[in-house]
Amino acid sequence: CGKHGIEHRQQLNIELENIMQEHDLIQQDIGLSIDNDLLLKEIDKCE
């Protein structure tokens, strides 16, 4: 039972790391979207 618990914990750690990486990528995408929107608004002001 102890070995199974360790394996399960390791699998959960891997899944959590994957979720955290995906979260970071989504945050980067959102940040880029916001930056692009601000840039386009500034360009519109200049035109």
PDB file of N, CA and C in Angstrom:
ATOM      1  N   CYS A   1       0.824  -1.191   0.000  1.00  0.00           N
ATOM      2  CA  CYS A   1       0.000   0.000   0.000  1.00  0.00           C
ATOM      3  C   CYS A   1       0.871   1.259   0.000  1.00  0.00           C
ATOM      4  N   GLY A   2       1.998   1.211   0.721  1.00  0.00           N
ATOM      5  CA  GLY A   2       2.890   2.362   0.757  1.00  0.00           C
ATOM      6  C   GLY A   2       3.498   2.663  -0.595  1.00  0.00           C
ATOM      7  N   LYS A   3       3.897   1.616  -1.318  1.00  0.00           N
ATOM      8  CA  LYS A   3       4.487   1.803  -2.648  1.00  0.00           C
ATOM      9  C   LYS A   3       3.463   2.411  -3.599  1.00  0.00           C
ATOM     10  N   HIS A   4       2.237   1.914  -3.524  1.00  0.00           N
ATOM     11  CA  HIS A   4       1.177   2.436  -4.385  1.00  0.00           C
ATOM     12  C   HIS A   4       0.920   3.909  -4.078  1.00  0.00           C
ATOM     13  N   GLY A   5       0.957   4.270  -2.803  1.00  0.00           N
ATOM     14  CA  GLY A   5       0.750   5.662  -2.406  1.00  0.00           C
ATOM     15  C   GLY A   5       1.833   6.574  -2.949  1.00  0.00           C
ATOM     16  N   ILE A   6       3.077   6.104  -2.916  1.00  0.00           N
ATOM     17  CA  ILE A   6       4.201   6.890  -3.443  1.00  0.00           C
ATOM     18  C   ILE A   6       4.043   7.091  -4.948  1.00  0.00           C
ATOM     19  N   GLU A   7       3.689   6.016  -5.656  1.00  0.00           N
ATOM     20  CA  GLU A   7       3.501   6.118  -7.106  1.00  0.00           C
ATOM     21  C   GLU A   7       2.364   7.078  -7.439  1.00  0.00           C
ATOM     22  N   HIS A   8       1.296   7.006  -6.673  1.00  0.00           N
ATOM     23  CA  HIS A   8       0.152   7.887  -6.903  1.00  0.00           C
ATOM     24  C   HIS A   8       0.546   9.344  -6.656  1.00  0.00           C
ATOM     25  N   ARG A   9       1.304   9.580  -5.604  1.00  0.00           N
ATOM     26  CA  ARG A   9       1.758  10.939  -5.294  1.00  0.00           C
ATOM     27  C   ARG A   9       2.655  11.473  -6.411  1.00  0.00           C
ATOM     28  N   GLN A  10       3.544  10.632  -6.929  1.00  0.00           N
ATOM     29  CA  GLN A  10       4.421  11.054  -8.021  1.00  0.00           C
ATOM     30  C   GLN A  10       3.605  11.417  -9.261  1.00  0.00           C
ATOM     31  N   GLN A  11       2.602  10.608  -9.569  1.00  0.00           N
ATOM     32  CA  GLN A  11       1.744  10.889 -10.726  1.00  0.00           C
ATOM     33  C   GLN A  11       0.994  12.199 -10.534  1.00  0.00           C
ATOM     34  N   LEU A  12       0.493  12.429  -9.332  1.00  0.00           N
ATOM     35  CA  LEU A  12      -0.204  13.685  -9.052  1.00  0.00           C
ATOM     36  C   LEU A  12       0.740  14.878  -9.182  1.00  0.00           C
ATOM     37  N   ASN A  13       1.988  14.716  -8.744  1.00  0.00           N
ATOM     38  CA  ASN A  13       2.970  15.791  -8.883  1.00  0.00           C
ATOM     39  C   ASN A  13       3.223  16.120 -10.347  1.00  0.00           C
ATOM     40  N   ILE A  14       3.323  15.087 -11.181  1.00  0.00           N
ATOM     41  CA  ILE A  14       3.535  15.299 -12.616  1.00  0.00           C
ATOM     42  C   ILE A  14       2.341  16.042 -13.216  1.00  0.00           C
ATOM     43  N   GLU A  15       1.136  15.611 -12.857  1.00  0.00           N
ATOM     44  CA  GLU A  15      -0.067  16.264 -13.369  1.00  0.00           C
ATOM     45  C   GLU A  15      -0.139  17.716 -12.915  1.00  0.00           C
ATOM     46  N   LEU A  16       0.213  17.977 -11.663  1.00  0.00           N
ATOM     47  CA  LEU A  16       0.197  19.344 -11.150  1.00  0.00           C
ATOM     48  C   LEU A  16       1.209  20.215 -11.888  1.00  0.00           C
ATOM     49  N   GLU A  17       2.402  19.694 -12.134  1.00  0.00           N
ATOM     50  CA  GLU A  17       3.414  20.447 -12.879  1.00  0.00           C
ATOM     51  C   GLU A  17       2.912  20.788 -14.275  1.00  0.00           C
ATOM     52  N   ASN A  18       2.254  19.835 -14.932  1.00  0.00           N
ATOM     53  CA  ASN A  18       1.709  20.089 -16.267  1.00  0.00           C
ATOM     54  C   ASN A  18       0.644  21.176 -16.230  1.00  0.00           C
ATOM     55  N   ILE A  19      -0.210  21.134 -15.224  1.00  0.00           N
ATOM     56  CA  ILE A  19      -1.254  22.152 -15.082  1.00  0.00           C
ATOM     57  C   ILE A  19      -0.627  23.521 -14.839  1.00  0.00           C
ATOM     58  N   MET A  20       0.399  23.573 -14.005  1.00  0.00           N
ATOM     59  CA  MET A  20       1.060  24.844 -13.712  1.00  0.00           C
ATOM     60  C   MET A  20       1.730  25.411 -14.964  1.00  0.00           C
ATOM     61  N   GLN A  21       2.344  24.561 -15.770  1.00  0.00           N
ATOM     62  CA  GLN A  21       2.969  25.018 -17.014  1.00  0.00           C
ATOM     63  C   GLN A  21       1.917  25.558 -17.976  1.00  0.00           C
ATOM     64  N   GLU A  22       0.804  24.852 -18.076  1.00  0.00           N
ATOM     65  CA  GLU A  22      -0.278  25.306 -18.953  1.00  0.00           C
ATOM     66  C   GLU A  22      -0.839  26.636 -18.459  1.00  0.00           C
ATOM     67  N   HIS A  23      -0.971  26.781 -17.163  1.00  0.00           N
ATOM     68  CA  HIS A  23      -1.446  28.032 -16.562  1.00  0.00           C
ATOM     69  C   HIS A  23      -0.513  29.185 -16.924  1.00  0.00           C
ATOM     70  N   ASP A  24       0.790  28.957 -16.803  1.00  0.00           N
ATOM     71  CA  ASP A  24       1.765  29.991 -17.139  1.00  0.00           C
ATOM     72  C   ASP A  24       1.669  30.393 -18.609  1.00  0.00           C
ATOM     73  N   LEU A  25       1.503  29.411 -19.494  1.00  0.00           N
ATOM     74  CA  LEU A  25       1.381  29.709 -20.923  1.00  0.00           C
ATOM     75  C   LEU A  25       0.117  30.513 -21.217  1.00  0.00           C
ATOM     76  N   ILE A  26      -0.967  30.172 -20.554  1.00  0.00           N
ATOM     77  CA  ILE A  26      -2.216  30.913 -20.746  1.00  0.00           C
ATOM     78  C   ILE A  26      -2.054  32.347 -20.260  1.00  0.00           C
ATOM     79  N   GLN A  27      -1.394  32.526 -19.124  1.00  0.00           N
ATOM     80  CA  GLN A  27      -1.166  33.880 -18.613  1.00  0.00           C
ATOM     81  C   GLN A  27      -0.311  34.687 -19.582  1.00  0.00           C
ATOM     82  N   GLN A  28       0.699  34.063 -20.175  1.00  0.00           N
ATOM     83  CA  GLN A  28       1.533  34.749 -21.163  1.00  0.00           C
ATOM     84  C   GLN A  28       0.699  35.157 -22.371  1.00  0.00           C
ATOM     85  N   ASP A  29      -0.155  34.257 -22.846  1.00  0.00           N
ATOM     86  CA  ASP A  29      -1.016  34.568 -23.988  1.00  0.00           C
ATOM     87  C   ASP A  29      -1.940  35.733 -23.677  1.00  0.00           C
ATOM     88  N   ILE A  30      -2.503  35.741 -22.479  1.00  0.00           N
ATOM     89  CA  ILE A  30      -3.391  36.832 -22.080  1.00  0.00           C
ATOM     90  C   ILE A  30      -2.609  38.142 -22.038  1.00  0.00           C
ATOM     91  N   GLY A  31      -1.410  38.093 -21.493  1.00  0.00           N
ATOM     92  CA  GLY A  31      -0.575  39.290 -21.430  1.00  0.00           C
ATOM     93  C   GLY A  31      -0.247  39.818 -22.811  1.00  0.00           C
ATOM     94  N   LEU A  32       0.058  38.930 -23.737  1.00  0.00           N
ATOM     95  CA  LEU A  32       0.361  39.346 -25.103  1.00  0.00           C
ATOM     96  C   LEU A  32      -0.871  39.938 -25.768  1.00  0.00           C
ATOM     97  N   SER A  33      -2.030  39.372 -25.505  1.00  0.00           N
ATOM     98  CA  SER A  33      -3.280  39.883 -26.069  1.00  0.00           C
ATOM     99  C   SER A  33      -3.542  41.297 -25.580  1.00  0.00           C
ATOM    100  N   ILE A  34      -3.347  41.504 -24.294  1.00  0.00           N
ATOM    101  CA  ILE A  34      -3.568  42.832 -23.717  1.00  0.00           C
ATOM    102  C   ILE A  34      -2.582  43.825 -24.316  1.00  0.00           C
ATOM    103  N   ASP A  35      -1.302  43.432 -24.427  1.00  0.00           N
ATOM    104  CA  ASP A  35      -0.292  44.304 -25.021  1.00  0.00           C
ATOM    105  C   ASP A  35      -0.654  44.649 -26.460  1.00  0.00           C
ATOM    106  N   ASN A  36      -1.103  43.661 -27.225  1.00  0.00           N
ATOM    107  CA  ASN A  36      -1.482  43.899 -28.618  1.00  0.00           C
ATOM    108  C   ASN A  36      -2.672  44.842 -28.706  1.00  0.00           C
ATOM    109  N   ASP A  37      -3.655  44.669 -27.840  1.00  0.00           N
ATOM    110  CA  ASP A  37      -4.823  45.548 -27.841  1.00  0.00           C
ATOM    111  C   ASP A  37      -4.414  46.987 -27.541  1.00  0.00           C
ATOM    112  N   LEU A  38      -3.540  47.169 -26.560  1.00  0.00           N
ATOM    113  CA  LEU A  38      -3.082  48.518 -26.222  1.00  0.00           C
ATOM    114  C   LEU A  38      -2.313  49.134 -27.381  1.00  0.00           C
ATOM    115  N   LEU A  39      -1.484  48.341 -28.027  1.00  0.00           N
ATOM    116  CA  LEU A  39      -0.711  48.828 -29.166  1.00  0.00           C
ATOM    117  C   LEU A  39      -1.636  49.240 -30.306  1.00  0.00           C
ATOM    118  N   LEU A  40      -2.629  48.434 -30.599  1.00  0.00           N
ATOM    119  CA  LEU A  40      -3.574  48.765 -31.669  1.00  0.00           C
ATOM    120  C   LEU A  40      -4.359  50.032 -31.340  1.00  0.00           C
ATOM    121  N   LYS A  41      -4.711  50.225 -30.086  1.00  0.00           N
ATOM    122  CA  LYS A  41      -5.419  51.445 -29.689  1.00  0.00           C
ATOM    123  C   LYS A  41      -4.530  52.670 -29.886  1.00  0.00           C
ATOM    124  N   GLU A  42      -3.254  52.540 -29.561  1.00  0.00           N
ATOM    125  CA  GLU A  42      -2.319  53.651 -29.758  1.00  0.00           C
ATOM    126  C   GLU A  42      -2.150  53.961 -31.245  1.00  0.00           C
ATOM    127  N   ILE A  43      -2.097  52.923 -32.064  1.00  0.00           N
ATOM    128  CA  ILE A  43      -1.982  53.121 -33.514  1.00  0.00           C
ATOM    129  C   ILE A  43      -3.225  53.831 -34.034  1.00  0.00           C
ATOM    130  N   ASP A  44      -4.398  53.420 -33.556  1.00  0.00           N
ATOM    131  CA  ASP A  44      -5.643  54.066 -33.977  1.00  0.00           C
ATOM    132  C   ASP A  44      -5.644  55.543 -33.609  1.00  0.00           C
ATOM    133  N   LYS A  45      -5.102  55.891 -32.455  1.00  0.00           N
ATOM    134  CA  LYS A  45      -5.045  57.294 -32.033  1.00  0.00           C
ATOM    135  C   LYS A  45      -4.180  58.110 -32.988  1.00  0.00           C
ATOM    136  N   CYS A  46      -3.097  57.513 -33.455  1.00  0.00           N
ATOM    137  CA  CYS A  46      -2.165  58.219 -34.337  1.00  0.00           C
ATOM    138  C   CYS A  46      -2.750  58.426 -35.731  1.00  0.00           C
ATOM    139  N   GLU A  47      -3.632  57.554 -36.140  1.00  0.00           N
ATOM    140  CA  GLU A  47      -4.207  57.664 -37.483  1.00  0.00           C
ATOM    141  C   GLU A  47      -5.262  58.697 -37.450  1.00  0.00           C
TER     142      GLU A  47
END
